[in-house]
């Protein structure tokens, strides 16, 4: 299968290059806004095609899932997460009435390169200057100004209703682990059942 071979190639390249990303953990007390918070943010940004996007352009009838990730350019864990969402989740998320968008500090040109390779079917938003990331308290402070990763968020998934209220938040302690597709879909199903 073409996608599987690309994923294996991606992991192999990562391992062969010996890329050593530091194992920075999210604080144990959680990061970012709490469940129940209404966000006063329109999520306006440019996507991987250069088109302007905002909450109203990607929200579904029930709300939206917003994935904050480190980088589609250099983070293999983020790349795998985006590929998995695109391959295994985007249609199921939309079928449940939610839109999907992903946000990183990546430049639009880097998002466009990733999109060209993987044909991502949801907006990859470029948070220029990490303004949204900082405003939501999601920036990882480990990377100082001047470091290539300065401005990256902790990997967090926010589930918002149509009024931008956070109704669920998913994250793992390590940036190397992301909530699985099944966990995201189960979360949406449990929200619908309640």
C-alpha atoms as a PDB file:
ATOM      1  CA  UNK A   1       0.000   0.000   0.000  1.00  0.00           C
ATOM      2  CA  UNK A   2       1.383   3.408  -0.958  1.00  0.00           C
ATOM      3  CA  UNK A   3       0.512   5.213   2.292  1.00  0.00           C
ATOM      4  CA  UNK A   4       1.981   2.441   4.425  1.00  0.00           C
ATOM      5  CA  UNK A   5       5.263   2.512   2.491  1.00  0.00           C
ATOM      6  CA  UNK A   6       5.464   6.285   2.859  1.00  0.00           C
ATOM      7  CA  UNK A   7       4.878   6.004   6.602  1.00  0.00           C
ATOM      8  CA  UNK A   8       7.561   3.309   6.915  1.00  0.00           C
ATOM      9  CA  UNK A   9       9.889   5.480   4.849  1.00  0.00           C
ATOM     10  CA  UNK A  10       9.178   8.460   7.089  1.00  0.00           C
ATOM     11  CA  UNK A  11       9.929   6.465  10.246  1.00  0.00           C
ATOM     12  CA  UNK A  12      13.011   4.884   8.681  1.00  0.00           C
ATOM     13  CA  UNK A  13      14.358   8.277   7.671  1.00  0.00           C
ATOM     14  CA  UNK A  14      13.771   9.554  11.169  1.00  0.00           C
ATOM     15  CA  UNK A  15      15.569   6.615  12.760  1.00  0.00           C
ATOM     16  CA  UNK A  16      18.428   6.527  10.233  1.00  0.00           C
ATOM     17  CA  UNK A  17      19.149  10.212  10.575  1.00  0.00           C
ATOM     18  CA  UNK A  18      19.349   9.730  14.298  1.00  0.00           C
ATOM     19  CA  UNK A  19      17.277  12.804  14.913  1.00  0.00           C
ATOM     20  CA  UNK A  20      17.310  13.316  18.643  1.00  0.00           C
ATOM     21  CA  UNK A  21      14.399  15.444  19.701  1.00  0.00           C
ATOM     22  CA  UNK A  22      14.478  16.248  23.393  1.00  0.00           C
ATOM     23  CA  UNK A  23      11.846  14.470  25.461  1.00  0.00           C
ATOM     24  CA  UNK A  24      10.092  17.525  26.832  1.00  0.00           C
ATOM     25  CA  UNK A  25       6.946  16.624  28.686  1.00  0.00           C
ATOM     26  CA  UNK A  26       3.827  18.670  29.189  1.00  0.00           C
ATOM     27  CA  UNK A  27       3.419  19.950  32.734  1.00  0.00           C
ATOM     28  CA  UNK A  28       1.574  17.479  34.918  1.00  0.00           C
ATOM     29  CA  UNK A  29      -1.061  20.098  35.789  1.00  0.00           C
ATOM     30  CA  UNK A  30      -2.194  20.213  32.158  1.00  0.00           C
ATOM     31  CA  UNK A  31      -1.778  23.117  29.741  1.00  0.00           C
ATOM     32  CA  UNK A  32      -4.012  25.566  27.978  1.00  0.00           C
ATOM     33  CA  UNK A  33      -7.623  26.464  28.599  1.00  0.00           C
ATOM     34  CA  UNK A  34      -9.843  24.186  30.646  1.00  0.00           C
ATOM     35  CA  UNK A  35     -12.885  22.270  29.456  1.00  0.00           C
ATOM     36  CA  UNK A  36     -15.884  24.591  29.727  1.00  0.00           C
ATOM     37  CA  UNK A  37     -13.943  27.687  28.619  1.00  0.00           C
ATOM     38  CA  UNK A  38     -15.484  29.677  25.766  1.00  0.00           C
ATOM     39  CA  UNK A  39     -12.731  30.842  23.426  1.00  0.00           C
ATOM     40  CA  UNK A  40     -12.849  34.423  22.217  1.00  0.00           C
ATOM     41  CA  UNK A  41     -10.803  33.679  19.118  1.00  0.00           C
ATOM     42  CA  UNK A  42     -11.752  33.398  15.461  1.00  0.00           C
ATOM     43  CA  UNK A  43      -8.827  31.105  14.484  1.00  0.00           C
ATOM     44  CA  UNK A  44      -8.108  33.273  11.440  1.00  0.00           C
ATOM     45  CA  UNK A  45      -5.032  32.046   9.574  1.00  0.00           C
ATOM     46  CA  UNK A  46      -3.760  30.993   6.169  1.00  0.00           C
ATOM     47  CA  UNK A  47      -4.024  27.308   5.276  1.00  0.00           C
ATOM     48  CA  UNK A  48      -1.712  25.024   3.303  1.00  0.00           C
ATOM     49  CA  UNK A  49      -3.089  26.314  -0.012  1.00  0.00           C
ATOM     50  CA  UNK A  50      -2.627  29.965   0.918  1.00  0.00           C
ATOM     51  CA  UNK A  51      -6.371  30.450   1.436  1.00  0.00           C
ATOM     52  CA  UNK A  52      -7.664  32.398   4.445  1.00  0.00           C
ATOM     53  CA  UNK A  53      -9.537  30.293   6.989  1.00  0.00           C
ATOM     54  CA  UNK A  54     -11.346  30.929  10.264  1.00  0.00           C
ATOM     55  CA  UNK A  55     -13.601  29.053  12.655  1.00  0.00           C
ATOM     56  CA  UNK A  56     -16.669  29.622  10.480  1.00  0.00           C
ATOM     57  CA  UNK A  57     -14.930  28.150   7.436  1.00  0.00           C
ATOM     58  CA  UNK A  58     -14.129  24.774   9.049  1.00  0.00           C
ATOM     59  CA  UNK A  59     -16.732  24.297  11.802  1.00  0.00           C
ATOM     60  CA  UNK A  60     -19.279  21.496  11.336  1.00  0.00           C
ATOM     61  CA  UNK A  61     -22.921  21.477  12.437  1.00  0.00           C
ATOM     62  CA  UNK A  62     -21.937  20.390  15.985  1.00  0.00           C
ATOM     63  CA  UNK A  63     -18.548  22.078  16.325  1.00  0.00           C
ATOM     64  CA  UNK A  64     -14.892  21.579  15.466  1.00  0.00           C
ATOM     65  CA  UNK A  65     -11.830  19.638  16.466  1.00  0.00           C
ATOM     66  CA  UNK A  66      -8.680  21.729  16.567  1.00  0.00           C
ATOM     67  CA  UNK A  67      -5.386  19.866  16.660  1.00  0.00           C
ATOM     68  CA  UNK A  68      -2.366  21.794  17.921  1.00  0.00           C
ATOM     69  CA  UNK A  69       0.858  20.114  16.809  1.00  0.00           C
ATOM     70  CA  UNK A  70       4.541  20.982  16.767  1.00  0.00           C
ATOM     71  CA  UNK A  71       5.500  20.956  13.071  1.00  0.00           C
ATOM     72  CA  UNK A  72       4.606  19.278   9.795  1.00  0.00           C
ATOM     73  CA  UNK A  73       8.082  20.212   8.552  1.00  0.00           C
ATOM     74  CA  UNK A  74      10.380  18.503  11.075  1.00  0.00           C
ATOM     75  CA  UNK A  75       8.384  16.615  13.750  1.00  0.00           C
ATOM     76  CA  UNK A  76       7.883  12.951  12.702  1.00  0.00           C
ATOM     77  CA  UNK A  77       5.343  12.384  15.492  1.00  0.00           C
ATOM     78  CA  UNK A  78       3.268  15.296  14.184  1.00  0.00           C
ATOM     79  CA  UNK A  79       3.609  14.092  10.617  1.00  0.00           C
ATOM     80  CA  UNK A  80       2.358  10.648  11.625  1.00  0.00           C
ATOM     81  CA  UNK A  81      -0.554  12.213  13.525  1.00  0.00           C
ATOM     82  CA  UNK A  82      -1.592  14.343  10.540  1.00  0.00           C
ATOM     83  CA  UNK A  83      -1.286  11.417   8.130  1.00  0.00           C
ATOM     84  CA  UNK A  84      -3.371   9.235  10.453  1.00  0.00           C
ATOM     85  CA  UNK A  85      -6.060  11.906  10.831  1.00  0.00           C
ATOM     86  CA  UNK A  86      -6.164  12.396   7.068  1.00  0.00           C
ATOM     87  CA  UNK A  87      -6.243   8.672   6.303  1.00  0.00           C
ATOM     88  CA  UNK A  88      -8.354   7.274   9.131  1.00  0.00           C
ATOM     89  CA  UNK A  89     -10.367  10.024  10.798  1.00  0.00           C
ATOM     90  CA  UNK A  90     -11.333  13.072   8.766  1.00  0.00           C
ATOM     91  CA  UNK A  91     -14.370  11.471   7.096  1.00  0.00           C
ATOM     92  CA  UNK A  92     -15.598   9.928  10.382  1.00  0.00           C
ATOM     93  CA  UNK A  93     -15.139  13.223  12.216  1.00  0.00           C
ATOM     94  CA  UNK A  94     -17.127  15.086   9.558  1.00  0.00           C
ATOM     95  CA  UNK A  95     -19.798  12.359   9.553  1.00  0.00           C
ATOM     96  CA  UNK A  96     -20.265  13.029  13.288  1.00  0.00           C
ATOM     97  CA  UNK A  97     -20.952  16.714  12.558  1.00  0.00           C
ATOM     98  CA  UNK A  98     -17.555  18.202  13.422  1.00  0.00           C
ATOM     99  CA  UNK A  99     -15.081  20.136  11.356  1.00  0.00           C
ATOM    100  CA  UNK A 100     -11.351  19.543  11.655  1.00  0.00           C
ATOM    101  CA  UNK A 101      -8.381  21.905  11.499  1.00  0.00           C
ATOM    102  CA  UNK A 102      -4.784  21.629  12.665  1.00  0.00           C
ATOM    103  CA  UNK A 103      -2.603  24.509  13.863  1.00  0.00           C
ATOM    104  CA  UNK A 104       1.163  24.852  14.100  1.00  0.00           C
ATOM    105  CA  UNK A 105       3.752  27.601  13.927  1.00  0.00           C
ATOM    106  CA  UNK A 106       4.833  26.318  10.484  1.00  0.00           C
ATOM    107  CA  UNK A 107       5.074  28.743   7.600  1.00  0.00           C
ATOM    108  CA  UNK A 108       2.468  28.350   4.856  1.00  0.00           C
ATOM    109  CA  UNK A 109       5.142  27.189   2.378  1.00  0.00           C
ATOM    110  CA  UNK A 110       6.081  24.293   4.697  1.00  0.00           C
ATOM    111  CA  UNK A 111       2.442  23.313   5.103  1.00  0.00           C
ATOM    112  CA  UNK A 112       2.022  23.447   1.332  1.00  0.00           C
ATOM    113  CA  UNK A 113       4.958  21.027   0.874  1.00  0.00           C
ATOM    114  CA  UNK A 114       3.453  18.588   3.353  1.00  0.00           C
ATOM    115  CA  UNK A 115       0.045  18.926   1.678  1.00  0.00           C
ATOM    116  CA  UNK A 116       1.535  18.313  -1.759  1.00  0.00           C
ATOM    117  CA  UNK A 117       2.968  15.016  -0.542  1.00  0.00           C
ATOM    118  CA  UNK A 118      -0.006  13.802   1.532  1.00  0.00           C
ATOM    119  CA  UNK A 119      -3.062  15.578   0.027  1.00  0.00           C
ATOM    120  CA  UNK A 120      -4.438  16.620   3.413  1.00  0.00           C
ATOM    121  CA  UNK A 121      -8.236  17.005   3.320  1.00  0.00           C
ATOM    122  CA  UNK A 122      -8.553  19.467   6.205  1.00  0.00           C
ATOM    123  CA  UNK A 123      -7.050  22.910   6.874  1.00  0.00           C
ATOM    124  CA  UNK A 124      -3.501  23.061   8.167  1.00  0.00           C
ATOM    125  CA  UNK A 125      -3.348  26.556   9.638  1.00  0.00           C
ATOM    126  CA  UNK A 126      -0.179  28.617   9.888  1.00  0.00           C
ATOM    127  CA  UNK A 127      -0.156  30.436  13.234  1.00  0.00           C
ATOM    128  CA  UNK A 128       2.266  33.186  12.256  1.00  0.00           C
ATOM    129  CA  UNK A 129       4.269  34.224  15.298  1.00  0.00           C
ATOM    130  CA  UNK A 130       2.444  31.591  17.392  1.00  0.00           C
ATOM    131  CA  UNK A 131      -0.165  34.212  18.353  1.00  0.00           C
ATOM    132  CA  UNK A 132      -3.006  31.732  18.878  1.00  0.00           C
ATOM    133  CA  UNK A 133      -0.696  29.225  20.523  1.00  0.00           C
ATOM    134  CA  UNK A 134       0.486  31.854  23.025  1.00  0.00           C
ATOM    135  CA  UNK A 135      -3.003  33.282  23.613  1.00  0.00           C
ATOM    136  CA  UNK A 136      -4.269  29.828  24.583  1.00  0.00           C
ATOM    137  CA  UNK A 137      -1.329  29.121  26.894  1.00  0.00           C
ATOM    138  CA  UNK A 138      -0.164  26.212  24.758  1.00  0.00           C
ATOM    139  CA  UNK A 139       3.367  27.338  23.857  1.00  0.00           C
ATOM    140  CA  UNK A 140       6.113  25.025  25.048  1.00  0.00           C
ATOM    141  CA  UNK A 141       8.496  27.335  26.978  1.00  0.00           C
ATOM    142  CA  UNK A 142      11.409  24.896  26.707  1.00  0.00           C
ATOM    143  CA  UNK A 143      12.525  26.297  23.353  1.00  0.00           C
ATOM    144  CA  UNK A 144      14.064  29.731  23.722  1.00  0.00           C
ATOM    145  CA  UNK A 145      13.977  32.478  21.145  1.00  0.00           C
ATOM    146  CA  UNK A 146      16.438  31.701  18.370  1.00  0.00           C
ATOM    147  CA  UNK A 147      15.846  27.941  18.578  1.00  0.00           C
ATOM    148  CA  UNK A 148      14.143  26.541  15.465  1.00  0.00           C
ATOM    149  CA  UNK A 149      11.338  25.125  17.650  1.00  0.00           C
ATOM    150  CA  UNK A 150      10.639  28.377  19.495  1.00  0.00           C
ATOM    151  CA  UNK A 151       6.873  28.914  19.357  1.00  0.00           C
ATOM    152  CA  UNK A 152       5.752  25.290  19.116  1.00  0.00           C
ATOM    153  CA  UNK A 153       2.687  24.269  21.111  1.00  0.00           C
ATOM    154  CA  UNK A 154       2.278  21.319  23.378  1.00  0.00           C
ATOM    155  CA  UNK A 155       0.376  18.759  21.277  1.00  0.00           C
ATOM    156  CA  UNK A 156      -3.243  19.205  22.362  1.00  0.00           C
ATOM    157  CA  UNK A 157      -6.585  18.462  20.731  1.00  0.00           C
ATOM    158  CA  UNK A 158      -9.485  20.760  21.603  1.00  0.00           C
ATOM    159  CA  UNK A 159     -13.063  19.778  20.813  1.00  0.00           C
ATOM    160  CA  UNK A 160     -15.237  22.874  20.546  1.00  0.00           C
ATOM    161  CA  UNK A 161     -18.970  23.255  20.180  1.00  0.00           C
ATOM    162  CA  UNK A 162     -20.456  25.719  17.676  1.00  0.00           C
ATOM    163  CA  UNK A 163     -20.129  28.534  20.237  1.00  0.00           C
ATOM    164  CA  UNK A 164     -16.394  27.813  20.665  1.00  0.00           C
ATOM    165  CA  UNK A 165     -16.840  26.323  24.113  1.00  0.00           C
ATOM    166  CA  UNK A 166     -14.281  23.616  24.871  1.00  0.00           C
ATOM    167  CA  UNK A 167     -16.270  20.435  25.442  1.00  0.00           C
ATOM    168  CA  UNK A 168     -13.308  18.053  25.522  1.00  0.00           C
ATOM    169  CA  UNK A 169      -9.527  18.259  25.606  1.00  0.00           C
ATOM    170  CA  UNK A 170      -7.213  15.406  24.667  1.00  0.00           C
ATOM    171  CA  UNK A 171      -3.471  15.202  25.252  1.00  0.00           C
ATOM    172  CA  UNK A 172      -0.716  12.859  26.318  1.00  0.00           C
ATOM    173  CA  UNK A 173       2.153  13.568  28.688  1.00  0.00           C
ATOM    174  CA  UNK A 174       4.853  13.107  26.043  1.00  0.00           C
ATOM    175  CA  UNK A 175       4.989  14.916  22.710  1.00  0.00           C
ATOM    176  CA  UNK A 176       5.893  11.534  21.194  1.00  0.00           C
ATOM    177  CA  UNK A 177       2.408  10.188  21.926  1.00  0.00           C
ATOM    178  CA  UNK A 178      -0.857  11.528  20.531  1.00  0.00           C
ATOM    179  CA  UNK A 179      -4.467  10.596  21.240  1.00  0.00           C
ATOM    180  CA  UNK A 180      -5.341   7.778  18.871  1.00  0.00           C
ATOM    181  CA  UNK A 181      -7.977   8.172  16.177  1.00  0.00           C
ATOM    182  CA  UNK A 182     -10.230   5.744  18.073  1.00  0.00           C
ATOM    183  CA  UNK A 183      -9.986   7.912  21.197  1.00  0.00           C
ATOM    184  CA  UNK A 184     -11.021  11.006  19.246  1.00  0.00           C
ATOM    185  CA  UNK A 185     -14.006   9.239  17.689  1.00  0.00           C
ATOM    186  CA  UNK A 186     -15.024   7.662  21.022  1.00  0.00           C
ATOM    187  CA  UNK A 187     -14.873  11.122  22.611  1.00  0.00           C
ATOM    188  CA  UNK A 188     -17.191  12.524  19.939  1.00  0.00           C
ATOM    189  CA  UNK A 189     -19.561   9.586  20.369  1.00  0.00           C
ATOM    190  CA  UNK A 190     -19.662  10.049  24.150  1.00  0.00           C
ATOM    191  CA  UNK A 191     -20.361  13.777  23.711  1.00  0.00           C
ATOM    192  CA  UNK A 192     -23.283  12.949  21.407  1.00  0.00           C
ATOM    193  CA  UNK A 193     -24.639  10.419  23.899  1.00  0.00           C
ATOM    194  CA  UNK A 194     -24.622  12.859  26.830  1.00  0.00           C
END
